[in-house]
């Protein structure tokens, strides 16, 4: 039995979705323990009792009494030990695309999205009388640094998906864990209204991913 400690509206949705895909493919058993964010939008303190990092996702593999953190590592662990027929793992031919987009997610895309979120929270939490100053700083950083880097990343992704349904694999691509890994950040951009219509191939890729029964199953846990 696998147990996922899941935090709402967080990257742990990736692991929840992957567990649903594994369940559909292999009948892999899992359960979900849901945690809610605090009023400060932070992870609750009880997660620290489960793992020192105190962040979701946390996965417990009860078959070997292992407690795992970090979504990228958990994905690799689940593929190695539970994707027994390599249906969600890259083939030898697809390894380069798979590895590139896996690292692209956490190096080129997510840091800029997190920075955007942090600046928005700083503005929101700033005292009223200095909020206009902080907001001007936010706009300057967004215009000069965050937006150009995000646009560059999206342009590369959109071009890659021009003739593909999924990120890696032969032909139009084959759905795999790397699609799950990248999906969260892109979906958050769409939810926030900053994934503009010009990125048509990215929108198509999102639609393909979200049409999967495993995705729908994962959403039911949210």
N, C-alpha and C. Protein backbone atom coordinates (compact mmCIF):
# COMPACT_ATOMS: atom_id res chain seq x y z
N UNK A 1 0.84 -1.20 0.00
CA UNK A 1 0.00 0.00 0.00
C UNK A 1 0.87 1.25 0.00
N UNK A 2 0.52 2.18 -0.84
CA UNK A 2 1.18 3.48 -0.89
C UNK A 2 0.25 4.52 -0.28
N UNK A 3 0.81 5.38 0.55
CA UNK A 3 0.03 6.44 1.18
C UNK A 3 0.59 7.79 0.78
N UNK A 4 -0.25 8.62 0.20
CA UNK A 4 0.16 9.96 -0.20
C UNK A 4 -0.42 10.99 0.76
N UNK A 5 0.45 11.79 1.35
CA UNK A 5 0.02 12.95 2.11
C UNK A 5 -0.05 14.11 1.12
N UNK A 6 -1.28 14.54 0.87
CA UNK A 6 -1.57 15.46 -0.23
C UNK A 6 -2.04 16.80 0.31
N UNK A 7 -1.48 17.87 -0.24
CA UNK A 7 -1.88 19.23 0.11
C UNK A 7 -2.66 19.83 -1.05
N UNK A 8 -3.78 20.40 -0.74
CA UNK A 8 -4.61 20.98 -1.81
C UNK A 8 -3.86 22.08 -2.55
N UNK A 9 -4.14 22.17 -3.85
CA UNK A 9 -3.57 23.22 -4.69
C UNK A 9 -2.05 23.27 -4.59
N UNK A 10 -1.41 22.13 -4.76
CA UNK A 10 0.05 22.08 -4.65
C UNK A 10 0.62 21.10 -5.66
N UNK A 11 1.94 21.05 -5.71
CA UNK A 11 2.61 20.16 -6.65
C UNK A 11 2.34 18.68 -6.34
N UNK A 12 1.83 18.38 -5.16
CA UNK A 12 1.56 16.98 -4.86
C UNK A 12 0.46 16.42 -5.75
N UNK A 13 -0.26 17.30 -6.49
CA UNK A 13 -1.22 16.79 -7.46
C UNK A 13 -0.53 15.91 -8.49
N UNK A 14 0.73 16.22 -8.79
CA UNK A 14 1.49 15.39 -9.74
C UNK A 14 1.52 13.93 -9.28
N UNK A 15 1.82 13.74 -8.01
CA UNK A 15 1.95 12.37 -7.48
C UNK A 15 0.58 11.71 -7.41
N UNK A 16 -0.42 12.47 -7.02
CA UNK A 16 -1.79 11.94 -6.99
C UNK A 16 -2.18 11.44 -8.37
N UNK A 17 -1.91 12.24 -9.39
CA UNK A 17 -2.25 11.86 -10.77
C UNK A 17 -1.47 10.62 -11.20
N UNK A 18 -0.17 10.59 -10.90
CA UNK A 18 0.65 9.43 -11.27
C UNK A 18 0.15 8.16 -10.58
N UNK A 19 -0.24 8.27 -9.33
CA UNK A 19 -0.79 7.10 -8.63
C UNK A 19 -2.07 6.61 -9.29
N UNK A 20 -2.88 7.54 -9.75
CA UNK A 20 -4.12 7.15 -10.45
C UNK A 20 -3.80 6.45 -11.77
N UNK A 21 -2.78 6.93 -12.48
CA UNK A 21 -2.37 6.28 -13.73
C UNK A 21 -1.84 4.87 -13.45
N UNK A 22 -1.05 4.72 -12.41
CA UNK A 22 -0.52 3.40 -12.04
C UNK A 22 -1.64 2.46 -11.62
N UNK A 23 -2.62 3.00 -10.93
CA UNK A 23 -3.77 2.19 -10.53
C UNK A 23 -4.54 1.70 -11.75
N UNK A 24 -4.71 2.58 -12.75
CA UNK A 24 -5.43 2.19 -13.96
C UNK A 24 -4.66 1.15 -14.76
N UNK A 25 -3.33 1.27 -14.78
CA UNK A 25 -2.51 0.37 -15.59
C UNK A 25 -2.24 -0.96 -14.90
N UNK A 26 -1.99 -0.92 -13.59
CA UNK A 26 -1.52 -2.12 -12.88
C UNK A 26 -2.37 -2.50 -11.67
N UNK A 27 -3.35 -1.69 -11.35
CA UNK A 27 -4.13 -1.96 -10.14
C UNK A 27 -3.38 -1.59 -8.87
N UNK A 28 -2.39 -0.71 -8.97
CA UNK A 28 -1.59 -0.31 -7.82
C UNK A 28 -2.48 0.34 -6.75
N UNK A 29 -2.40 -0.19 -5.53
CA UNK A 29 -3.24 0.31 -4.45
C UNK A 29 -2.60 1.53 -3.79
N UNK A 30 -3.42 2.50 -3.46
CA UNK A 30 -2.93 3.66 -2.73
C UNK A 30 -4.07 4.30 -1.96
N UNK A 31 -3.71 5.10 -0.99
CA UNK A 31 -4.70 5.90 -0.27
C UNK A 31 -4.17 7.32 -0.17
N UNK A 32 -5.08 8.25 0.03
CA UNK A 32 -4.72 9.67 0.08
C UNK A 32 -5.16 10.25 1.41
N UNK A 33 -4.22 10.91 2.10
CA UNK A 33 -4.54 11.66 3.31
C UNK A 33 -4.41 13.14 2.95
N UNK A 34 -5.52 13.84 3.01
CA UNK A 34 -5.56 15.23 2.57
C UNK A 34 -5.23 16.18 3.72
N UNK A 35 -4.47 17.21 3.38
CA UNK A 35 -4.13 18.28 4.32
C UNK A 35 -4.56 19.61 3.71
N UNK A 36 -4.96 20.53 4.54
CA UNK A 36 -5.38 21.84 4.08
C UNK A 36 -4.35 22.90 4.44
N UNK A 37 -4.21 23.88 3.59
CA UNK A 37 -3.28 24.98 3.86
C UNK A 37 -3.77 25.83 5.03
N UNK A 38 -2.83 26.49 5.68
CA UNK A 38 -3.17 27.40 6.76
C UNK A 38 -3.74 28.70 6.18
N UNK A 39 -4.15 29.61 7.06
CA UNK A 39 -4.67 30.90 6.61
C UNK A 39 -3.59 31.70 5.88
N UNK A 40 -2.33 31.40 6.17
CA UNK A 40 -1.21 32.05 5.48
C UNK A 40 -0.85 31.35 4.18
N UNK A 41 -1.67 30.38 3.78
CA UNK A 41 -1.48 29.62 2.53
C UNK A 41 -0.23 28.73 2.59
N UNK A 42 0.17 28.35 3.80
CA UNK A 42 1.33 27.49 3.98
C UNK A 42 0.88 26.08 4.32
N UNK A 43 1.84 25.13 4.23
CA UNK A 43 1.55 23.76 4.62
C UNK A 43 1.36 23.68 6.13
N UNK A 44 0.44 22.84 6.61
CA UNK A 44 0.22 22.72 8.05
C UNK A 44 1.41 22.07 8.76
N UNK A 45 1.55 22.36 10.05
CA UNK A 45 2.71 21.88 10.81
C UNK A 45 2.75 20.36 10.94
N UNK A 46 1.59 19.71 10.84
CA UNK A 46 1.61 18.25 11.04
C UNK A 46 2.41 17.53 9.97
N UNK A 47 2.65 18.16 8.81
CA UNK A 47 3.47 17.51 7.79
C UNK A 47 4.92 17.37 8.26
N UNK A 48 5.37 18.27 9.13
CA UNK A 48 6.73 18.17 9.67
C UNK A 48 6.89 16.93 10.53
N UNK A 49 5.80 16.46 11.13
CA UNK A 49 5.86 15.23 11.94
C UNK A 49 6.04 14.00 11.07
N UNK A 50 5.72 14.12 9.79
CA UNK A 50 5.82 12.99 8.86
C UNK A 50 7.17 12.99 8.16
N UNK A 51 7.63 14.19 7.77
CA UNK A 51 8.94 14.35 7.12
C UNK A 51 9.52 15.69 7.54
N UNK A 52 10.83 15.75 7.82
CA UNK A 52 11.44 17.00 8.31
C UNK A 52 11.22 18.22 7.42
N UNK A 53 11.06 18.03 6.10
CA UNK A 53 10.84 19.16 5.22
C UNK A 53 9.47 19.79 5.42
N UNK A 54 8.51 19.01 5.88
CA UNK A 54 7.20 19.55 6.18
C UNK A 54 6.43 20.06 4.98
N UNK A 55 6.69 19.49 3.81
CA UNK A 55 6.02 19.94 2.59
C UNK A 55 5.41 18.75 1.87
N UNK A 56 4.33 19.01 1.14
CA UNK A 56 3.73 17.97 0.31
C UNK A 56 4.31 18.07 -1.10
N UNK A 57 4.43 16.94 -1.80
CA UNK A 57 3.92 15.63 -1.42
C UNK A 57 4.87 14.87 -0.50
N UNK A 58 4.28 14.02 0.32
CA UNK A 58 5.03 13.02 1.08
C UNK A 58 4.40 11.68 0.76
N UNK A 59 5.21 10.74 0.31
CA UNK A 59 4.71 9.41 -0.04
C UNK A 59 5.32 8.39 0.91
N UNK A 60 4.49 7.55 1.47
CA UNK A 60 4.95 6.45 2.32
C UNK A 60 4.70 5.14 1.60
N UNK A 61 5.78 4.41 1.37
CA UNK A 61 5.69 3.08 0.78
C UNK A 61 5.71 2.08 1.94
N UNK A 62 4.55 1.61 2.31
CA UNK A 62 4.44 0.77 3.49
C UNK A 62 5.03 -0.62 3.27
N UNK A 63 5.25 -1.01 2.02
CA UNK A 63 5.82 -2.32 1.75
C UNK A 63 7.26 -2.42 2.21
N UNK A 64 7.96 -1.25 2.27
CA UNK A 64 9.35 -1.25 2.72
C UNK A 64 9.60 -0.17 3.77
N UNK A 65 8.52 0.41 4.28
CA UNK A 65 8.59 1.40 5.35
C UNK A 65 9.49 2.58 4.97
N UNK A 66 9.28 3.12 3.77
CA UNK A 66 10.04 4.27 3.32
C UNK A 66 9.14 5.50 3.27
N UNK A 67 9.70 6.64 3.71
CA UNK A 67 9.00 7.91 3.64
C UNK A 67 9.75 8.81 2.67
N UNK A 68 9.08 9.23 1.60
CA UNK A 68 9.74 9.93 0.51
C UNK A 68 9.18 11.34 0.35
N UNK A 69 10.06 12.28 0.04
CA UNK A 69 9.67 13.66 -0.24
C UNK A 69 10.28 14.10 -1.56
N UNK A 70 9.87 15.27 -2.04
CA UNK A 70 10.29 15.87 -3.31
C UNK A 70 9.60 15.17 -4.49
N UNK A 71 8.75 15.92 -5.17
CA UNK A 71 7.90 15.33 -6.21
C UNK A 71 8.70 14.68 -7.34
N UNK A 72 9.81 15.32 -7.78
CA UNK A 72 10.60 14.72 -8.84
C UNK A 72 11.19 13.38 -8.44
N UNK A 73 11.70 13.30 -7.22
CA UNK A 73 12.25 12.04 -6.72
C UNK A 73 11.17 10.98 -6.57
N UNK A 74 10.00 11.39 -6.07
CA UNK A 74 8.91 10.43 -5.89
C UNK A 74 8.48 9.86 -7.24
N UNK A 75 8.42 10.71 -8.26
CA UNK A 75 8.07 10.24 -9.59
C UNK A 75 9.08 9.19 -10.07
N UNK A 76 10.37 9.49 -9.92
CA UNK A 76 11.40 8.53 -10.32
C UNK A 76 11.27 7.22 -9.54
N UNK A 77 10.98 7.32 -8.26
CA UNK A 77 10.83 6.13 -7.41
C UNK A 77 9.65 5.28 -7.88
N UNK A 78 8.52 5.92 -8.13
CA UNK A 78 7.34 5.17 -8.55
C UNK A 78 7.54 4.51 -9.91
N UNK A 79 8.22 5.19 -10.81
CA UNK A 79 8.50 4.58 -12.11
C UNK A 79 9.43 3.38 -11.97
N UNK A 80 10.44 3.52 -11.13
CA UNK A 80 11.42 2.44 -10.97
C UNK A 80 10.80 1.20 -10.34
N UNK A 81 9.92 1.40 -9.36
CA UNK A 81 9.43 0.26 -8.58
C UNK A 81 8.01 -0.18 -8.93
N UNK A 82 7.22 0.67 -9.58
CA UNK A 82 5.82 0.32 -9.80
C UNK A 82 5.38 0.36 -11.27
N UNK A 83 6.14 1.03 -12.12
CA UNK A 83 5.82 1.02 -13.56
C UNK A 83 6.53 -0.17 -14.18
N UNK A 84 6.08 -1.35 -13.86
CA UNK A 84 6.82 -2.59 -14.15
C UNK A 84 6.94 -2.89 -15.64
N UNK A 85 6.04 -2.35 -16.45
CA UNK A 85 6.11 -2.58 -17.89
C UNK A 85 6.55 -1.31 -18.65
N UNK A 86 7.05 -0.33 -17.91
CA UNK A 86 7.58 0.91 -18.48
C UNK A 86 6.59 1.62 -19.39
N UNK A 87 5.33 1.64 -19.00
CA UNK A 87 4.31 2.28 -19.82
C UNK A 87 4.31 3.81 -19.65
N UNK A 88 4.84 4.28 -18.54
CA UNK A 88 4.91 5.72 -18.29
C UNK A 88 6.34 6.23 -18.25
N UNK A 89 7.28 5.32 -18.48
CA UNK A 89 8.71 5.64 -18.46
C UNK A 89 9.21 5.81 -19.89
N UNK A 90 10.33 6.51 -20.06
CA UNK A 90 10.82 6.75 -21.42
C UNK A 90 11.50 5.51 -22.01
N UNK A 91 11.29 5.28 -23.29
CA UNK A 91 12.07 4.27 -23.98
C UNK A 91 13.47 4.83 -24.22
N UNK A 92 14.37 3.98 -24.66
CA UNK A 92 15.74 4.45 -24.93
C UNK A 92 15.75 5.58 -25.95
N UNK A 93 14.89 5.47 -26.97
CA UNK A 93 14.84 6.47 -28.02
C UNK A 93 14.27 7.80 -27.51
N UNK A 94 13.41 7.73 -26.51
CA UNK A 94 12.75 8.94 -26.00
C UNK A 94 13.45 9.54 -24.81
N UNK A 95 14.54 8.94 -24.36
CA UNK A 95 15.16 9.37 -23.11
C UNK A 95 15.60 10.83 -23.14
N UNK A 96 16.17 11.30 -24.23
CA UNK A 96 16.69 12.68 -24.26
C UNK A 96 15.56 13.69 -24.12
N UNK A 97 14.49 13.53 -24.90
CA UNK A 97 13.34 14.43 -24.76
C UNK A 97 12.78 14.37 -23.35
N UNK A 98 12.63 13.17 -22.85
CA UNK A 98 12.06 12.97 -21.51
C UNK A 98 12.90 13.69 -20.46
N UNK A 99 14.21 13.47 -20.49
CA UNK A 99 15.10 14.07 -19.49
C UNK A 99 15.14 15.59 -19.61
N UNK A 100 15.15 16.09 -20.85
CA UNK A 100 15.20 17.54 -21.03
C UNK A 100 13.98 18.21 -20.42
N UNK A 101 12.77 17.74 -20.76
CA UNK A 101 11.56 18.40 -20.28
C UNK A 101 11.34 18.18 -18.80
N UNK A 102 11.87 17.09 -18.28
CA UNK A 102 11.81 16.85 -16.84
C UNK A 102 12.60 17.94 -16.10
N UNK A 103 13.80 18.23 -16.59
CA UNK A 103 14.64 19.25 -15.93
C UNK A 103 14.19 20.67 -16.30
N UNK A 104 13.66 20.85 -17.49
CA UNK A 104 13.12 22.14 -17.91
C UNK A 104 12.06 22.62 -16.91
N UNK A 105 11.24 21.69 -16.44
CA UNK A 105 10.14 22.04 -15.54
C UNK A 105 10.64 22.75 -14.29
N UNK A 106 11.66 22.20 -13.66
CA UNK A 106 12.12 22.73 -12.38
C UNK A 106 13.22 23.77 -12.51
N UNK A 107 13.82 23.89 -13.68
CA UNK A 107 14.92 24.85 -13.81
C UNK A 107 14.53 26.09 -14.61
N UNK A 108 13.82 25.94 -15.71
CA UNK A 108 13.49 27.07 -16.57
C UNK A 108 12.11 27.65 -16.32
N UNK A 109 11.18 26.82 -15.87
CA UNK A 109 9.80 27.28 -15.74
C UNK A 109 9.40 27.61 -14.30
N UNK A 110 9.45 26.63 -13.40
CA UNK A 110 8.89 26.80 -12.07
C UNK A 110 9.53 27.92 -11.24
N UNK A 111 10.87 28.12 -11.28
CA UNK A 111 11.43 29.22 -10.47
C UNK A 111 10.83 30.58 -10.82
N UNK A 112 10.58 30.82 -12.10
CA UNK A 112 9.98 32.09 -12.50
C UNK A 112 8.52 32.19 -12.07
N UNK A 113 7.80 31.08 -12.12
CA UNK A 113 6.40 31.10 -11.67
C UNK A 113 6.32 31.29 -10.16
N UNK A 114 7.25 30.66 -9.44
CA UNK A 114 7.28 30.84 -7.98
C UNK A 114 7.62 32.29 -7.63
N UNK A 115 8.58 32.87 -8.36
CA UNK A 115 8.95 34.26 -8.11
C UNK A 115 7.75 35.18 -8.34
N UNK A 116 6.99 34.90 -9.38
CA UNK A 116 5.79 35.70 -9.68
C UNK A 116 4.79 35.59 -8.53
N UNK A 117 4.61 34.37 -8.02
CA UNK A 117 3.69 34.15 -6.90
C UNK A 117 4.16 34.87 -5.64
N UNK A 118 5.47 34.80 -5.36
CA UNK A 118 6.02 35.44 -4.17
C UNK A 118 5.82 36.94 -4.22
N UNK A 119 6.09 37.56 -5.35
CA UNK A 119 5.91 39.01 -5.48
C UNK A 119 4.44 39.40 -5.31
N UNK A 120 3.53 38.57 -5.84
CA UNK A 120 2.10 38.85 -5.68
C UNK A 120 1.71 38.79 -4.21
N UNK A 121 2.28 37.82 -3.47
CA UNK A 121 1.99 37.70 -2.04
C UNK A 121 2.58 38.87 -1.26
N UNK A 122 3.77 39.33 -1.65
CA UNK A 122 4.39 40.47 -0.98
C UNK A 122 3.52 41.71 -1.12
N UNK A 123 3.00 41.93 -2.32
CA UNK A 123 2.11 43.07 -2.54
C UNK A 123 0.86 42.94 -1.68
N UNK A 124 0.30 41.74 -1.68
CA UNK A 124 -0.93 41.49 -0.94
C UNK A 124 -0.75 41.72 0.56
N UNK A 125 0.42 41.35 1.09
CA UNK A 125 0.67 41.43 2.53
C UNK A 125 1.27 42.77 2.97
N UNK A 126 1.62 43.61 2.03
CA UNK A 126 2.26 44.89 2.36
C UNK A 126 1.27 45.83 3.05
N UNK A 127 1.75 46.63 4.01
CA UNK A 127 0.89 47.65 4.61
C UNK A 127 0.35 48.59 3.54
N UNK A 128 -0.85 49.05 3.75
CA UNK A 128 -1.56 49.85 2.74
C UNK A 128 -0.75 51.04 2.25
N UNK A 129 -0.06 51.72 3.16
CA UNK A 129 0.60 52.97 2.77
C UNK A 129 1.85 52.77 1.94
N UNK A 130 2.44 51.56 1.95
CA UNK A 130 3.61 51.32 1.09
C UNK A 130 3.29 50.38 -0.08
N UNK A 131 2.04 49.93 -0.14
CA UNK A 131 1.67 48.97 -1.19
C UNK A 131 1.90 49.49 -2.60
N UNK A 132 1.61 50.78 -2.89
CA UNK A 132 1.88 51.27 -4.26
C UNK A 132 3.36 51.19 -4.64
N UNK A 133 4.25 51.42 -3.67
CA UNK A 133 5.68 51.33 -3.94
C UNK A 133 6.07 49.89 -4.25
N UNK A 134 5.59 48.97 -3.42
CA UNK A 134 5.91 47.55 -3.61
C UNK A 134 5.33 47.05 -4.94
N UNK A 135 4.13 47.55 -5.27
CA UNK A 135 3.51 47.13 -6.53
C UNK A 135 4.31 47.60 -7.73
N UNK A 136 4.86 48.80 -7.65
CA UNK A 136 5.70 49.30 -8.74
C UNK A 136 6.97 48.46 -8.90
N UNK A 137 7.53 48.03 -7.76
CA UNK A 137 8.71 47.16 -7.81
C UNK A 137 8.33 45.83 -8.46
N UNK A 138 7.18 45.29 -8.07
CA UNK A 138 6.70 44.05 -8.66
C UNK A 138 6.55 44.17 -10.17
N UNK A 139 5.94 45.26 -10.63
CA UNK A 139 5.75 45.46 -12.06
C UNK A 139 7.08 45.56 -12.80
N UNK A 140 8.05 46.21 -12.17
CA UNK A 140 9.36 46.34 -12.81
C UNK A 140 10.05 45.00 -12.96
N UNK A 141 10.01 44.17 -11.90
CA UNK A 141 10.63 42.84 -11.96
C UNK A 141 9.89 41.96 -12.96
N UNK A 142 8.57 42.05 -12.97
CA UNK A 142 7.77 41.26 -13.91
C UNK A 142 8.13 41.61 -15.34
N UNK A 143 8.21 42.91 -15.64
CA UNK A 143 8.45 43.36 -17.01
C UNK A 143 9.87 43.07 -17.47
N UNK A 144 10.84 43.29 -16.59
CA UNK A 144 12.24 43.19 -17.02
C UNK A 144 12.81 41.79 -16.90
N UNK A 145 12.25 40.95 -16.03
CA UNK A 145 12.87 39.66 -15.78
C UNK A 145 11.91 38.48 -15.92
N UNK A 146 10.81 38.49 -15.15
CA UNK A 146 9.97 37.30 -15.10
C UNK A 146 9.28 37.02 -16.43
N UNK A 147 8.55 38.00 -16.97
CA UNK A 147 7.81 37.78 -18.22
C UNK A 147 8.70 37.36 -19.39
N UNK A 148 9.84 38.04 -19.61
CA UNK A 148 10.70 37.60 -20.73
C UNK A 148 11.17 36.15 -20.60
N UNK A 149 11.51 35.74 -19.38
CA UNK A 149 11.98 34.37 -19.18
C UNK A 149 10.86 33.35 -19.33
N UNK A 150 9.68 33.68 -18.82
CA UNK A 150 8.54 32.78 -18.98
C UNK A 150 8.16 32.67 -20.45
N UNK A 151 8.12 33.80 -21.15
CA UNK A 151 7.76 33.78 -22.58
C UNK A 151 8.75 32.96 -23.40
N UNK A 152 10.02 33.07 -23.05
CA UNK A 152 11.04 32.31 -23.77
C UNK A 152 10.83 30.80 -23.56
N UNK A 153 10.52 30.43 -22.33
CA UNK A 153 10.28 29.02 -22.01
C UNK A 153 9.03 28.51 -22.72
N UNK A 154 7.98 29.31 -22.72
CA UNK A 154 6.74 28.89 -23.38
C UNK A 154 6.89 28.80 -24.89
N UNK A 155 7.68 29.68 -25.47
CA UNK A 155 7.91 29.63 -26.91
C UNK A 155 8.61 28.33 -27.30
N UNK A 156 9.58 27.93 -26.50
CA UNK A 156 10.29 26.68 -26.76
C UNK A 156 9.35 25.48 -26.64
N UNK A 157 8.55 25.49 -25.58
CA UNK A 157 7.60 24.39 -25.36
C UNK A 157 6.56 24.34 -26.47
N UNK A 158 6.03 25.49 -26.85
CA UNK A 158 5.01 25.55 -27.90
C UNK A 158 5.55 25.02 -29.23
N UNK A 159 6.78 25.38 -29.54
CA UNK A 159 7.41 24.89 -30.78
C UNK A 159 7.58 23.38 -30.74
N UNK A 160 8.00 22.85 -29.59
CA UNK A 160 8.21 21.41 -29.46
C UNK A 160 6.91 20.64 -29.66
N UNK A 161 5.80 21.23 -29.22
CA UNK A 161 4.51 20.55 -29.27
C UNK A 161 3.75 20.80 -30.57
N UNK A 162 4.37 21.48 -31.52
CA UNK A 162 3.68 21.86 -32.75
C UNK A 162 3.09 20.66 -33.49
N UNK A 163 3.81 19.55 -33.52
CA UNK A 163 3.34 18.36 -34.24
C UNK A 163 3.28 17.15 -33.32
N UNK A 164 3.04 17.41 -32.03
CA UNK A 164 3.05 16.32 -31.05
C UNK A 164 1.88 16.45 -30.10
N UNK A 165 1.43 15.32 -29.59
CA UNK A 165 0.42 15.35 -28.53
C UNK A 165 1.09 15.40 -27.15
N UNK A 166 2.23 14.70 -27.04
CA UNK A 166 2.89 14.59 -25.74
C UNK A 166 4.37 14.91 -25.87
N UNK A 167 5.05 15.04 -24.75
CA UNK A 167 6.39 15.61 -24.73
C UNK A 167 7.47 14.68 -25.28
N UNK A 168 7.34 13.39 -25.06
CA UNK A 168 8.40 12.47 -25.50
C UNK A 168 7.79 11.26 -26.18
N UNK A 169 8.64 10.50 -26.85
CA UNK A 169 8.17 9.32 -27.57
C UNK A 169 8.15 9.56 -29.06
N UNK A 170 8.10 8.48 -29.82
CA UNK A 170 8.14 8.56 -31.28
C UNK A 170 6.84 9.14 -31.83
N UNK A 171 6.91 9.63 -33.08
CA UNK A 171 5.73 10.16 -33.74
C UNK A 171 5.15 11.36 -33.01
N UNK A 172 3.88 11.28 -32.68
CA UNK A 172 3.21 12.37 -31.96
C UNK A 172 3.47 12.34 -30.46
N UNK A 173 4.29 11.38 -30.05
CA UNK A 173 4.62 11.28 -28.63
C UNK A 173 3.73 10.29 -27.90
N UNK A 174 4.21 9.87 -26.75
CA UNK A 174 3.49 8.91 -25.91
C UNK A 174 3.35 9.53 -24.53
N UNK A 175 2.16 9.49 -23.97
CA UNK A 175 1.95 10.05 -22.65
C UNK A 175 2.85 9.36 -21.63
N UNK A 176 3.47 10.16 -20.77
CA UNK A 176 4.35 9.59 -19.75
C UNK A 176 4.43 10.49 -18.53
N UNK A 177 5.23 10.09 -17.58
CA UNK A 177 5.35 10.81 -16.31
C UNK A 177 5.87 12.23 -16.50
N UNK A 178 6.64 12.47 -17.56
CA UNK A 178 7.16 13.82 -17.79
C UNK A 178 6.02 14.79 -18.11
N UNK A 179 4.97 14.30 -18.75
CA UNK A 179 3.80 15.15 -19.01
C UNK A 179 3.12 15.52 -17.70
N UNK A 180 3.03 14.58 -16.79
CA UNK A 180 2.47 14.84 -15.47
C UNK A 180 3.31 15.87 -14.73
N UNK A 181 4.63 15.71 -14.84
CA UNK A 181 5.55 16.59 -14.11
C UNK A 181 5.44 18.04 -14.57
N UNK A 182 5.33 18.25 -15.87
CA UNK A 182 5.26 19.61 -16.41
C UNK A 182 3.87 20.20 -16.28
N UNK A 183 2.86 19.37 -16.28
CA UNK A 183 1.48 19.85 -16.34
C UNK A 183 1.13 20.85 -15.25
N UNK A 184 1.57 20.62 -14.02
CA UNK A 184 1.11 21.44 -12.90
C UNK A 184 1.39 22.92 -13.12
N UNK A 185 2.62 23.25 -13.49
CA UNK A 185 2.98 24.65 -13.67
C UNK A 185 2.21 25.31 -14.80
N UNK A 186 2.05 24.60 -15.91
CA UNK A 186 1.33 25.15 -17.05
C UNK A 186 -0.15 25.32 -16.72
N UNK A 187 -0.72 24.33 -16.03
CA UNK A 187 -2.13 24.41 -15.66
C UNK A 187 -2.38 25.57 -14.71
N UNK A 188 -1.43 25.85 -13.81
CA UNK A 188 -1.57 26.99 -12.90
C UNK A 188 -1.54 28.30 -13.67
N UNK A 189 -0.72 28.37 -14.71
CA UNK A 189 -0.69 29.57 -15.54
C UNK A 189 -2.04 29.78 -16.23
N UNK A 190 -2.61 28.71 -16.76
CA UNK A 190 -3.92 28.83 -17.42
C UNK A 190 -4.97 29.26 -16.41
N UNK A 191 -4.94 28.67 -15.23
CA UNK A 191 -5.90 29.00 -14.17
C UNK A 191 -5.81 30.47 -13.78
N UNK A 192 -4.58 31.01 -13.80
CA UNK A 192 -4.37 32.41 -13.43
C UNK A 192 -4.63 33.39 -14.57
N UNK A 193 -4.91 32.85 -15.75
CA UNK A 193 -5.22 33.70 -16.89
C UNK A 193 -4.01 34.28 -17.59
N UNK A 194 -2.82 33.70 -17.36
CA UNK A 194 -1.60 34.23 -17.98
C UNK A 194 -1.03 33.30 -19.05
N UNK A 195 -1.75 32.22 -19.37
CA UNK A 195 -1.37 31.37 -20.50
C UNK A 195 -2.20 31.83 -21.69
N UNK A 196 -1.62 32.70 -22.48
CA UNK A 196 -2.39 33.39 -23.51
C UNK A 196 -2.71 32.47 -24.69
N UNK A 197 -3.69 32.88 -25.49
CA UNK A 197 -4.20 32.06 -26.59
C UNK A 197 -3.14 31.78 -27.65
N UNK A 198 -2.12 32.62 -27.72
CA UNK A 198 -1.09 32.44 -28.75
C UNK A 198 -0.33 31.12 -28.61
N UNK A 199 -0.33 30.57 -27.41
CA UNK A 199 0.39 29.31 -27.17
C UNK A 199 -0.56 28.14 -27.49
N UNK A 200 -1.00 28.07 -28.73
CA UNK A 200 -2.07 27.15 -29.11
C UNK A 200 -1.67 25.69 -28.91
N UNK A 201 -0.43 25.33 -29.20
CA UNK A 201 -0.01 23.93 -29.08
C UNK A 201 0.09 23.51 -27.62
N UNK A 202 0.42 24.44 -26.75
CA UNK A 202 0.43 24.14 -25.31
C UNK A 202 -0.99 23.90 -24.82
N UNK A 203 -1.92 24.71 -25.28
CA UNK A 203 -3.33 24.51 -24.90
C UNK A 203 -3.83 23.15 -25.38
N UNK A 204 -3.43 22.77 -26.58
CA UNK A 204 -3.83 21.45 -27.10
C UNK A 204 -3.25 20.33 -26.25
N UNK A 205 -1.98 20.48 -25.87
CA UNK A 205 -1.33 19.46 -25.03
C UNK A 205 -2.05 19.35 -23.68
N UNK A 206 -2.40 20.48 -23.09
CA UNK A 206 -3.15 20.46 -21.83
C UNK A 206 -4.46 19.69 -21.99
N UNK A 207 -5.14 19.92 -23.10
CA UNK A 207 -6.42 19.25 -23.34
C UNK A 207 -6.22 17.74 -23.46
N UNK A 208 -5.18 17.31 -24.17
CA UNK A 208 -4.91 15.87 -24.29
C UNK A 208 -4.63 15.26 -22.92
N UNK A 209 -3.79 15.93 -22.13
CA UNK A 209 -3.45 15.42 -20.80
C UNK A 209 -4.68 15.31 -19.92
N UNK A 210 -5.50 16.35 -19.95
CA UNK A 210 -6.63 16.43 -19.03
C UNK A 210 -7.83 15.60 -19.48
N UNK A 211 -7.73 15.00 -20.66
CA UNK A 211 -8.80 14.12 -21.13
C UNK A 211 -8.59 12.69 -20.65
N UNK A 212 -7.46 12.43 -20.02
CA UNK A 212 -7.16 11.08 -19.56
C UNK A 212 -8.01 10.72 -18.34
N UNK A 213 -8.50 9.48 -18.27
CA UNK A 213 -9.27 9.05 -17.09
C UNK A 213 -8.48 9.19 -15.79
N UNK A 214 -7.17 8.98 -15.87
CA UNK A 214 -6.35 9.11 -14.66
C UNK A 214 -6.37 10.50 -14.10
N UNK A 215 -6.39 11.49 -15.00
CA UNK A 215 -6.46 12.89 -14.56
C UNK A 215 -7.79 13.18 -13.88
N UNK A 216 -8.87 12.69 -14.50
CA UNK A 216 -10.19 12.90 -13.93
C UNK A 216 -10.31 12.23 -12.57
N UNK A 217 -9.73 11.03 -12.45
CA UNK A 217 -9.75 10.32 -11.18
C UNK A 217 -9.01 11.11 -10.10
N UNK A 218 -7.87 11.69 -10.48
CA UNK A 218 -7.08 12.48 -9.52
C UNK A 218 -7.84 13.72 -9.08
N UNK A 219 -8.56 14.35 -9.99
CA UNK A 219 -9.32 15.55 -9.64
C UNK A 219 -10.42 15.24 -8.62
N UNK A 220 -10.93 14.03 -8.64
CA UNK A 220 -11.97 13.66 -7.69
C UNK A 220 -11.46 13.63 -6.26
N UNK A 221 -10.13 13.47 -6.10
CA UNK A 221 -9.54 13.49 -4.76
C UNK A 221 -9.33 14.91 -4.25
N UNK A 222 -9.30 15.87 -5.16
CA UNK A 222 -9.03 17.26 -4.78
C UNK A 222 -10.19 17.84 -3.97
